[in-house]
Amino acid sequence: MTSKKELDIKKFKDQLDASYQWPALYKYKFIVPSDKLDEVKALFPKTEVVTKPSKKGNYVSITADIMTPSSDDIINVYLKAAEIEGIISL
């Protein structure tokens, strides 16, 4: 039996594969509590990320443009990011 999460991942993969020709430049965007910023930056060790703090400084938006070889690599980053408490993927 296939879980909802597995179906969602397959749908996302299909959308990525329909929208991009690999390798492709992919823009990751997240919002994260300020104290989790380093955890998100660790997802992109060789890439400079753009950060912007919220007005009150409680949250940070993070953008990273990365040349990505396949949709599987994108999905792996999102699965790792999902383990970070309080993260919002955009």
PDB file of N, CA and C in Angstrom:
ATOM      1  N   MET A   1       0.837  -1.189   0.000  1.00  0.00           N
ATOM      2  CA  MET A   1       0.000   0.000   0.000  1.00  0.00           C
ATOM      3  C   MET A   1       0.880   1.250   0.000  1.00  0.00           C
ATOM      4  N   THR A   2       0.535   2.209  -0.818  1.00  0.00           N
ATOM      5  CA  THR A   2       1.302   3.441  -0.940  1.00  0.00           C
ATOM      6  C   THR A   2       0.742   4.493   0.012  1.00  0.00           C
ATOM      7  N   SER A   3       1.645   5.134   0.756  1.00  0.00           N
ATOM      8  CA  SER A   3       1.211   6.154   1.719  1.00  0.00           C
ATOM      9  C   SER A   3       0.959   7.479   1.003  1.00  0.00           C
ATOM     10  N   LYS A   4       0.252   8.381   1.690  1.00  0.00           N
ATOM     11  CA  LYS A   4      -0.016   9.707   1.143  1.00  0.00           C
ATOM     12  C   LYS A   4       1.294  10.450   0.904  1.00  0.00           C
ATOM     13  N   LYS A   5       2.239  10.305   1.830  1.00  0.00           N
ATOM     14  CA  LYS A   5       3.539  10.972   1.677  1.00  0.00           C
ATOM     15  C   LYS A   5       4.244  10.487   0.406  1.00  0.00           C
ATOM     16  N   GLU A   6       4.218   9.183   0.167  1.00  0.00           N
ATOM     17  CA  GLU A   6       4.844   8.631  -1.036  1.00  0.00           C
ATOM     18  C   GLU A   6       4.157   9.149  -2.305  1.00  0.00           C
ATOM     19  N   LEU A   7       2.831   9.246  -2.266  1.00  0.00           N
ATOM     20  CA  LEU A   7       2.089   9.770  -3.412  1.00  0.00           C
ATOM     21  C   LEU A   7       2.418  11.238  -3.646  1.00  0.00           C
ATOM     22  N   ASP A   8       2.527  12.020  -2.553  1.00  0.00           N
ATOM     23  CA  ASP A   8       2.876  13.431  -2.662  1.00  0.00           C
ATOM     24  C   ASP A   8       4.275  13.602  -3.252  1.00  0.00           C
ATOM     25  N   ILE A   9       5.214  12.771  -2.819  1.00  0.00           N
ATOM     26  CA  ILE A   9       6.577  12.841  -3.333  1.00  0.00           C
ATOM     27  C   ILE A   9       6.599  12.490  -4.824  1.00  0.00           C
ATOM     28  N   LYS A  10       5.863  11.451  -5.208  1.00  0.00           N
ATOM     29  CA  LYS A  10       5.816  11.066  -6.625  1.00  0.00           C
ATOM     30  C   LYS A  10       5.206  12.180  -7.468  1.00  0.00           C
ATOM     31  N   LYS A  11       4.152  12.800  -6.973  1.00  0.00           N
ATOM     32  CA  LYS A  11       3.510  13.901  -7.702  1.00  0.00           C
ATOM     33  C   LYS A  11       4.489  15.069  -7.863  1.00  0.00           C
ATOM     34  N   PHE A  12       5.202  15.410  -6.790  1.00  0.00           N
ATOM     35  CA  PHE A  12       6.179  16.492  -6.843  1.00  0.00           C
ATOM     36  C   PHE A  12       7.293  16.156  -7.839  1.00  0.00           C
ATOM     37  N   LYS A  13       7.775  14.919  -7.796  1.00  0.00           N
ATOM     38  CA  LYS A  13       8.826  14.475  -8.735  1.00  0.00           C
ATOM     39  C   LYS A  13       8.330  14.595 -10.172  1.00  0.00           C
ATOM     40  N   ASP A  14       7.109  14.162 -10.431  1.00  0.00           N
ATOM     41  CA  ASP A  14       6.538  14.244 -11.780  1.00  0.00           C
ATOM     42  C   ASP A  14       6.439  15.704 -12.241  1.00  0.00           C
ATOM     43  N   GLN A  15       6.043  16.603 -11.315  1.00  0.00           N
ATOM     44  CA  GLN A  15       5.942  18.022 -11.653  1.00  0.00           C
ATOM     45  C   GLN A  15       7.324  18.603 -11.979  1.00  0.00           C
ATOM     46  N   LEU A  16       8.315  18.248 -11.160  1.00  0.00           N
ATOM     47  CA  LEU A  16       9.679  18.721 -11.411  1.00  0.00           C
ATOM     48  C   LEU A  16      10.183  18.230 -12.768  1.00  0.00           C
ATOM     49  N   ASP A  17       9.991  16.948 -13.032  1.00  0.00           N
ATOM     50  CA  ASP A  17      10.470  16.373 -14.285  1.00  0.00           C
ATOM     51  C   ASP A  17       9.762  16.967 -15.506  1.00  0.00           C
ATOM     52  N   ALA A  18       8.514  17.386 -15.332  1.00  0.00           N
ATOM     53  CA  ALA A  18       7.780  18.004 -16.428  1.00  0.00           C
ATOM     54  C   ALA A  18       8.206  19.464 -16.645  1.00  0.00           C
ATOM     55  N   SER A  19       8.736  20.094 -15.593  1.00  0.00           N
ATOM     56  CA  SER A  19       9.062  21.523 -15.651  1.00  0.00           C
ATOM     57  C   SER A  19      10.528  21.829 -15.949  1.00  0.00           C
ATOM     58  N   TYR A  20      11.411  20.872 -15.708  1.00  0.00           N
ATOM     59  CA  TYR A  20      12.845  21.117 -15.843  1.00  0.00           C
ATOM     60  C   TYR A  20      13.491  20.080 -16.747  1.00  0.00           C
ATOM     61  N   GLN A  21      14.601  20.487 -17.374  1.00  0.00           N
ATOM     62  CA  GLN A  21      15.474  19.560 -18.077  1.00  0.00           C
ATOM     63  C   GLN A  21      16.750  19.488 -17.252  1.00  0.00           C
ATOM     64  N   TRP A  22      17.133  18.301 -16.841  1.00  0.00           N
ATOM     65  CA  TRP A  22      18.263  18.126 -15.916  1.00  0.00           C
ATOM     66  C   TRP A  22      19.580  18.041 -16.659  1.00  0.00           C
ATOM     67  N   PRO A  23      20.633  18.641 -16.084  1.00  0.00           N
ATOM     68  CA  PRO A  23      20.674  19.420 -14.849  1.00  0.00           C
ATOM     69  C   PRO A  23      19.995  20.777 -15.045  1.00  0.00           C
ATOM     70  N   ALA A  24      19.541  21.358 -13.934  1.00  0.00           N
ATOM     71  CA  ALA A  24      18.826  22.628 -13.984  1.00  0.00           C
ATOM     72  C   ALA A  24      19.125  23.450 -12.731  1.00  0.00           C
ATOM     73  N   LEU A  25      19.004  24.759 -12.875  1.00  0.00           N
ATOM     74  CA  LEU A  25      19.137  25.651 -11.738  1.00  0.00           C
ATOM     75  C   LEU A  25      17.813  25.642 -10.984  1.00  0.00           C
ATOM     76  N   TYR A  26      17.861  25.314  -9.712  1.00  0.00           N
ATOM     77  CA  TYR A  26      16.641  25.224  -8.894  1.00  0.00           C
ATOM     78  C   TYR A  26      16.766  26.178  -7.719  1.00  0.00           C
ATOM     79  N   LYS A  27      15.692  26.898  -7.440  1.00  0.00           N
ATOM     80  CA  LYS A  27      15.666  27.861  -6.341  1.00  0.00           C
ATOM     81  C   LYS A  27      14.939  27.257  -5.143  1.00  0.00           C
ATOM     82  N   TYR A  28      15.685  27.053  -4.062  1.00  0.00           N
ATOM     83  CA  TYR A  28      15.110  26.595  -2.801  1.00  0.00           C
ATOM     84  C   TYR A  28      14.758  27.812  -1.968  1.00  0.00           C
ATOM     85  N   LYS A  29      13.570  27.788  -1.341  1.00  0.00           N
ATOM     86  CA  LYS A  29      13.164  28.878  -0.459  1.00  0.00           C
ATOM     87  C   LYS A  29      12.560  28.284   0.814  1.00  0.00           C
ATOM     88  N   PHE A  30      13.044  28.788   1.940  1.00  0.00           N
ATOM     89  CA  PHE A  30      12.561  28.333   3.236  1.00  0.00           C
ATOM     90  C   PHE A  30      12.377  29.520   4.164  1.00  0.00           C
ATOM     91  N   ILE A  31      11.512  29.346   5.141  1.00  0.00           N
ATOM     92  CA  ILE A  31      11.418  30.248   6.285  1.00  0.00           C
ATOM     93  C   ILE A  31      11.670  29.374   7.496  1.00  0.00           C
ATOM     94  N   VAL A  32      12.524  29.856   8.401  1.00  0.00           N
ATOM     95  CA  VAL A  32      12.928  29.040   9.530  1.00  0.00           C
ATOM     96  C   VAL A  32      13.106  29.928  10.761  1.00  0.00           C
ATOM     97  N   PRO A  33      12.851  29.376  11.959  1.00  0.00           N
ATOM     98  CA  PRO A  33      13.170  30.141  13.168  1.00  0.00           C
ATOM     99  C   PRO A  33      14.653  30.520  13.155  1.00  0.00           C
ATOM    100  N   SER A  34      14.970  31.715  13.626  1.00  0.00           N
ATOM    101  CA  SER A  34      16.345  32.228  13.561  1.00  0.00           C
ATOM    102  C   SER A  34      17.371  31.277  14.161  1.00  0.00           C
ATOM    103  N   ASP A  35      16.994  30.570  15.220  1.00  0.00           N
ATOM    104  CA  ASP A  35      17.964  29.681  15.868  1.00  0.00           C
ATOM    105  C   ASP A  35      18.221  28.397  15.077  1.00  0.00           C
ATOM    106  N   LYS A  36      17.508  28.185  13.975  1.00  0.00           N
ATOM    107  CA  LYS A  36      17.698  27.000  13.127  1.00  0.00           C
ATOM    108  C   LYS A  36      18.405  27.337  11.813  1.00  0.00           C
ATOM    109  N   LEU A  37      18.842  28.584  11.667  1.00  0.00           N
ATOM    110  CA  LEU A  37      19.463  29.036  10.428  1.00  0.00           C
ATOM    111  C   LEU A  37      20.655  28.165  10.027  1.00  0.00           C
ATOM    112  N   ASP A  38      21.529  27.859  10.970  1.00  0.00           N
ATOM    113  CA  ASP A  38      22.720  27.066  10.648  1.00  0.00           C
ATOM    114  C   ASP A  38      22.362  25.667  10.148  1.00  0.00           C
ATOM    115  N   GLU A  39      21.264  25.100  10.665  1.00  0.00           N
ATOM    116  CA  GLU A  39      20.839  23.776  10.206  1.00  0.00           C
ATOM    117  C   GLU A  39      20.428  23.816   8.734  1.00  0.00           C
ATOM    118  N   VAL A  40      19.754  24.886   8.347  1.00  0.00           N
ATOM    119  CA  VAL A  40      19.331  25.004   6.946  1.00  0.00           C
ATOM    120  C   VAL A  40      20.540  25.282   6.064  1.00  0.00           C
ATOM    121  N   LYS A  41      21.437  26.142   6.511  1.00  0.00           N
ATOM    122  CA  LYS A  41      22.647  26.420   5.723  1.00  0.00           C
ATOM    123  C   LYS A  41      23.453  25.148   5.502  1.00  0.00           C
ATOM    124  N   ALA A  42      23.414  24.232   6.455  1.00  0.00           N
ATOM    125  CA  ALA A  42      24.157  22.974   6.331  1.00  0.00           C
ATOM    126  C   ALA A  42      23.622  22.101   5.190  1.00  0.00           C
ATOM    127  N   LEU A  43      22.398  22.338   4.762  1.00  0.00           N
ATOM    128  CA  LEU A  43      21.839  21.605   3.619  1.00  0.00           C
ATOM    129  C   LEU A  43      22.534  21.996   2.314  1.00  0.00           C
ATOM    130  N   PHE A  44      23.170  23.181   2.320  1.00  0.00           N
ATOM    131  CA  PHE A  44      23.799  23.727   1.117  1.00  0.00           C
ATOM    132  C   PHE A  44      25.251  24.113   1.427  1.00  0.00           C
ATOM    133  N   PRO A  45      26.105  23.143   1.735  1.00  0.00           N
ATOM    134  CA  PRO A  45      27.454  23.447   2.225  1.00  0.00           C
ATOM    135  C   PRO A  45      28.356  24.186   1.239  1.00  0.00           C
ATOM    136  N   LYS A  46      28.133  24.013  -0.047  1.00  0.00           N
ATOM    137  CA  LYS A  46      29.018  24.633  -1.036  1.00  0.00           C
ATOM    138  C   LYS A  46      28.349  25.792  -1.763  1.00  0.00           C
ATOM    139  N   THR A  47      27.255  26.286  -1.210  1.00  0.00           N
ATOM    140  CA  THR A  47      26.477  27.317  -1.872  1.00  0.00           C
ATOM    141  C   THR A  47      26.271  28.505  -0.949  1.00  0.00           C
ATOM    142  N   GLU A  48      26.399  29.681  -1.518  1.00  0.00           N
ATOM    143  CA  GLU A  48      26.081  30.878  -0.753  1.00  0.00           C
ATOM    144  C   GLU A  48      24.565  31.040  -0.738  1.00  0.00           C
ATOM    145  N   VAL A  49      24.015  31.188   0.454  1.00  0.00           N
ATOM    146  CA  VAL A  49      22.571  31.369   0.575  1.00  0.00           C
ATOM    147  C   VAL A  49      22.283  32.827   0.905  1.00  0.00           C
ATOM    148  N   VAL A  50      21.138  33.295   0.453  1.00  0.00           N
ATOM    149  CA  VAL A  50      20.698  34.649   0.741  1.00  0.00           C
ATOM    150  C   VAL A  50      19.720  34.563   1.908  1.00  0.00           C
ATOM    151  N   THR A  51      19.966  35.352   2.940  1.00  0.00           N
ATOM    152  CA  THR A  51      19.098  35.344   4.113  1.00  0.00           C
ATOM    153  C   THR A  51      18.495  36.721   4.321  1.00  0.00           C
ATOM    154  N   LYS A  52      17.297  36.721   4.887  1.00  0.00           N
ATOM    155  CA  LYS A  52      16.620  37.972   5.210  1.00  0.00           C
ATOM    156  C   LYS A  52      15.837  37.753   6.502  1.00  0.00           C
ATOM    157  N   PRO A  53      16.214  38.476   7.564  1.00  0.00           N
ATOM    158  CA  PRO A  53      15.495  38.306   8.829  1.00  0.00           C
ATOM    159  C   PRO A  53      14.104  38.953   8.785  1.00  0.00           C
ATOM    160  N   SER A  54      13.197  38.413   9.590  1.00  0.00           N
ATOM    161  CA  SER A  54      11.868  39.007   9.709  1.00  0.00           C
ATOM    162  C   SER A  54      11.979  40.321  10.492  1.00  0.00           C
ATOM    163  N   LYS A  55      10.908  41.098  10.515  1.00  0.00           N
ATOM    164  CA  LYS A  55      10.922  42.392  11.211  1.00  0.00           C
ATOM    165  C   LYS A  55      11.334  42.256  12.663  1.00  0.00           C
ATOM    166  N   LYS A  56      10.779  41.270  13.345  1.00  0.00           N
ATOM    167  CA  LYS A  56      11.085  41.082  14.765  1.00  0.00           C
ATOM    168  C   LYS A  56      12.339  40.233  14.982  1.00  0.00           C
ATOM    169  N   GLY A  57      12.859  39.639  13.906  1.00  0.00           N
ATOM    170  CA  GLY A  57      14.065  38.844  14.011  1.00  0.00           C
ATOM    171  C   GLY A  57      13.853  37.422  14.493  1.00  0.00           C
ATOM    172  N   ASN A  58      12.600  37.010  14.620  1.00  0.00           N
ATOM    173  CA  ASN A  58      12.310  35.652  15.086  1.00  0.00           C
ATOM    174  C   ASN A  58      12.512  34.600  14.004  1.00  0.00           C
ATOM    175  N   TYR A  59      12.374  35.018  12.750  1.00  0.00           N
ATOM    176  CA  TYR A  59      12.465  34.103  11.618  1.00  0.00           C
ATOM    177  C   TYR A  59      13.429  34.654  10.579  1.00  0.00           C
ATOM    178  N   VAL A  60      13.896  33.766   9.719  1.00  0.00           N
ATOM    179  CA  VAL A  60      14.787  34.139   8.624  1.00  0.00           C
ATOM    180  C   VAL A  60      14.291  33.451   7.359  1.00  0.00           C
ATOM    181  N   SER A  61      14.225  34.206   6.267  1.00  0.00           N
ATOM    182  CA  SER A  61      13.938  33.566   4.979  1.00  0.00           C
ATOM    183  C   SER A  61      15.279  33.245   4.339  1.00  0.00           C
ATOM    184  N   ILE A  62      15.329  32.115   3.667  1.00  0.00           N
ATOM    185  CA  ILE A  62      16.562  31.615   3.076  1.00  0.00           C
ATOM    186  C   ILE A  62      16.276  31.247   1.624  1.00  0.00           C
ATOM    187  N   THR A  63      17.138  31.704   0.740  1.00  0.00           N
ATOM    188  CA  THR A  63      17.030  31.374  -0.676  1.00  0.00           C
ATOM    189  C   THR A  63      18.376  30.841  -1.147  1.00  0.00           C
ATOM    190  N   ALA A  64      18.348  29.744  -1.873  1.00  0.00           N
ATOM    191  CA  ALA A  64      19.570  29.166  -2.429  1.00  0.00           C
ATOM    192  C   ALA A  64      19.293  28.722  -3.860  1.00  0.00           C
ATOM    193  N   ASP A  65      20.093  29.210  -4.790  1.00  0.00           N
ATOM    194  CA  ASP A  65      20.007  28.793  -6.187  1.00  0.00           C
ATOM    195  C   ASP A  65      21.103  27.761  -6.430  1.00  0.00           C
ATOM    196  N   ILE A  66      20.702  26.560  -6.833  1.00  0.00           N
ATOM    197  CA  ILE A  66      21.665  25.474  -6.974  1.00  0.00           C
ATOM    198  C   ILE A  66      21.465  24.748  -8.301  1.00  0.00           C
ATOM    199  N   MET A  67      22.573  24.490  -8.986  1.00  0.00           N
ATOM    200  CA  MET A  67      22.522  23.655 -10.181  1.00  0.00           C
ATOM    201  C   MET A  67      22.327  22.218  -9.703  1.00  0.00           C
ATOM    202  N   THR A  68      21.223  21.638 -10.080  1.00  0.00           N
ATOM    203  CA  THR A  68      20.811  20.342  -9.552  1.00  0.00           C
ATOM    204  C   THR A  68      20.758  19.304 -10.663  1.00  0.00           C
ATOM    205  N   PRO A  69      21.356  18.125 -10.429  1.00  0.00           N
ATOM    206  CA  PRO A  69      21.405  17.118 -11.491  1.00  0.00           C
ATOM    207  C   PRO A  69      20.086  16.394 -11.764  1.00  0.00           C
ATOM    208  N   SER A  70      19.186  16.319 -10.760  1.00  0.00           N
ATOM    209  CA  SER A  70      17.946  15.566 -10.982  1.00  0.00           C
ATOM    210  C   SER A  70      16.885  15.942  -9.958  1.00  0.00           C
ATOM    211  N   SER A  71      15.660  15.552 -10.242  1.00  0.00           N
ATOM    212  CA  SER A  71      14.562  15.798  -9.308  1.00  0.00           C
ATOM    213  C   SER A  71      14.768  15.030  -8.004  1.00  0.00           C
ATOM    214  N   ASP A  72      15.435  13.884  -8.069  1.00  0.00           N
ATOM    215  CA  ASP A  72      15.697  13.101  -6.856  1.00  0.00           C
ATOM    216  C   ASP A  72      16.550  13.893  -5.863  1.00  0.00           C
ATOM    217  N   ASP A  73      17.511  14.656  -6.379  1.00  0.00           N
ATOM    218  CA  ASP A  73      18.355  15.474  -5.495  1.00  0.00           C
ATOM    219  C   ASP A  73      17.532  16.561  -4.800  1.00  0.00           C
ATOM    220  N   ILE A  74      16.610  17.155  -5.515  1.00  0.00           N
ATOM    221  CA  ILE A  74      15.747  18.181  -4.931  1.00  0.00           C
ATOM    222  C   ILE A  74      14.889  17.562  -3.831  1.00  0.00           C
ATOM    223  N   ILE A  75      14.305  16.432  -4.111  1.00  0.00           N
ATOM    224  CA  ILE A  75      13.458  15.759  -3.130  1.00  0.00           C
ATOM    225  C   ILE A  75      14.265  15.389  -1.889  1.00  0.00           C
ATOM    226  N   ASN A  76      15.497  14.930  -2.063  1.00  0.00           N
ATOM    227  CA  ASN A  76      16.337  14.581  -0.912  1.00  0.00           C
ATOM    228  C   ASN A  76      16.598  15.788  -0.019  1.00  0.00           C
ATOM    229  N   VAL A  77      16.818  16.957  -0.618  1.00  0.00           N
ATOM    230  CA  VAL A  77      17.028  18.172   0.185  1.00  0.00           C
ATOM    231  C   VAL A  77      15.761  18.493   0.976  1.00  0.00           C
ATOM    232  N   TYR A  78      14.603  18.418   0.333  1.00  0.00           N
ATOM    233  CA  TYR A  78      13.357  18.709   1.038  1.00  0.00           C
ATOM    234  C   TYR A  78      13.070  17.701   2.157  1.00  0.00           C
ATOM    235  N   LEU A  79      13.422  16.445   1.945  1.00  0.00           N
ATOM    236  CA  LEU A  79      13.221  15.445   2.998  1.00  0.00           C
ATOM    237  C   LEU A  79      14.127  15.722   4.201  1.00  0.00           C
ATOM    238  N   LYS A  80      15.367  16.133   3.939  1.00  0.00           N
ATOM    239  CA  LYS A  80      16.270  16.513   5.035  1.00  0.00           C
ATOM    240  C   LYS A  80      15.782  17.772   5.719  1.00  0.00           C
ATOM    241  N   ALA A  81      15.317  18.734   4.952  1.00  0.00           N
ATOM    242  CA  ALA A  81      14.820  19.991   5.509  1.00  0.00           C
ATOM    243  C   ALA A  81      13.602  19.758   6.402  1.00  0.00           C
ATOM    244  N   ALA A  82      12.772  18.798   6.038  1.00  0.00           N
ATOM    245  CA  ALA A  82      11.559  18.505   6.810  1.00  0.00           C
ATOM    246  C   ALA A  82      11.875  18.062   8.228  1.00  0.00           C
ATOM    247  N   GLU A  83      13.102  17.609   8.456  1.00  0.00           N
ATOM    248  CA  GLU A  83      13.513  17.167   9.794  1.00  0.00           C
ATOM    249  C   GLU A  83      13.863  18.345  10.705  1.00  0.00           C
ATOM    250  N   ILE A  84      13.981  19.544  10.152  1.00  0.00           N
ATOM    251  CA  ILE A  84      14.333  20.730  10.932  1.00  0.00           C
ATOM    252  C   ILE A  84      13.056  21.296  11.543  1.00  0.00           C
ATOM    253  N   GLU A  85      13.059  21.411  12.849  1.00  0.00           N
ATOM    254  CA  GLU A  85      11.876  21.861  13.578  1.00  0.00           C
ATOM    255  C   GLU A  85      11.514  23.302  13.201  1.00  0.00           C
ATOM    256  N   GLY A  86      10.250  23.513  12.842  1.00  0.00           N
ATOM    257  CA  GLY A  86       9.748  24.856  12.570  1.00  0.00           C
ATOM    258  C   GLY A  86       9.957  25.364  11.155  1.00  0.00           C
ATOM    259  N   ILE A  87      10.564  24.557  10.288  1.00  0.00           N
ATOM    260  CA  ILE A  87      10.857  25.020   8.927  1.00  0.00           C
ATOM    261  C   ILE A  87       9.581  25.062   8.077  1.00  0.00           C
ATOM    262  N   ILE A  88       9.528  26.044   7.203  1.00  0.00           N
ATOM    263  CA  ILE A  88       8.454  26.151   6.224  1.00  0.00           C
ATOM    264  C   ILE A  88       9.106  26.165   4.857  1.00  0.00           C
ATOM    265  N   SER A  89       8.724  25.239   4.002  1.00  0.00           N
ATOM    266  CA  SER A  89       9.241  25.181   2.629  1.00  0.00           C
ATOM    267  C   SER A  89       8.308  25.939   1.721  1.00  0.00           C
ATOM    268  N   LEU A  90       8.869  26.792   0.886  1.00  0.00           N
ATOM    269  CA  LEU A  90       8.042  27.577  -0.039  1.00  0.00           C
ATOM    270  C   LEU A  90       8.207  27.078  -1.455  1.00  0.00           C
TER     271      LEU A  90
END
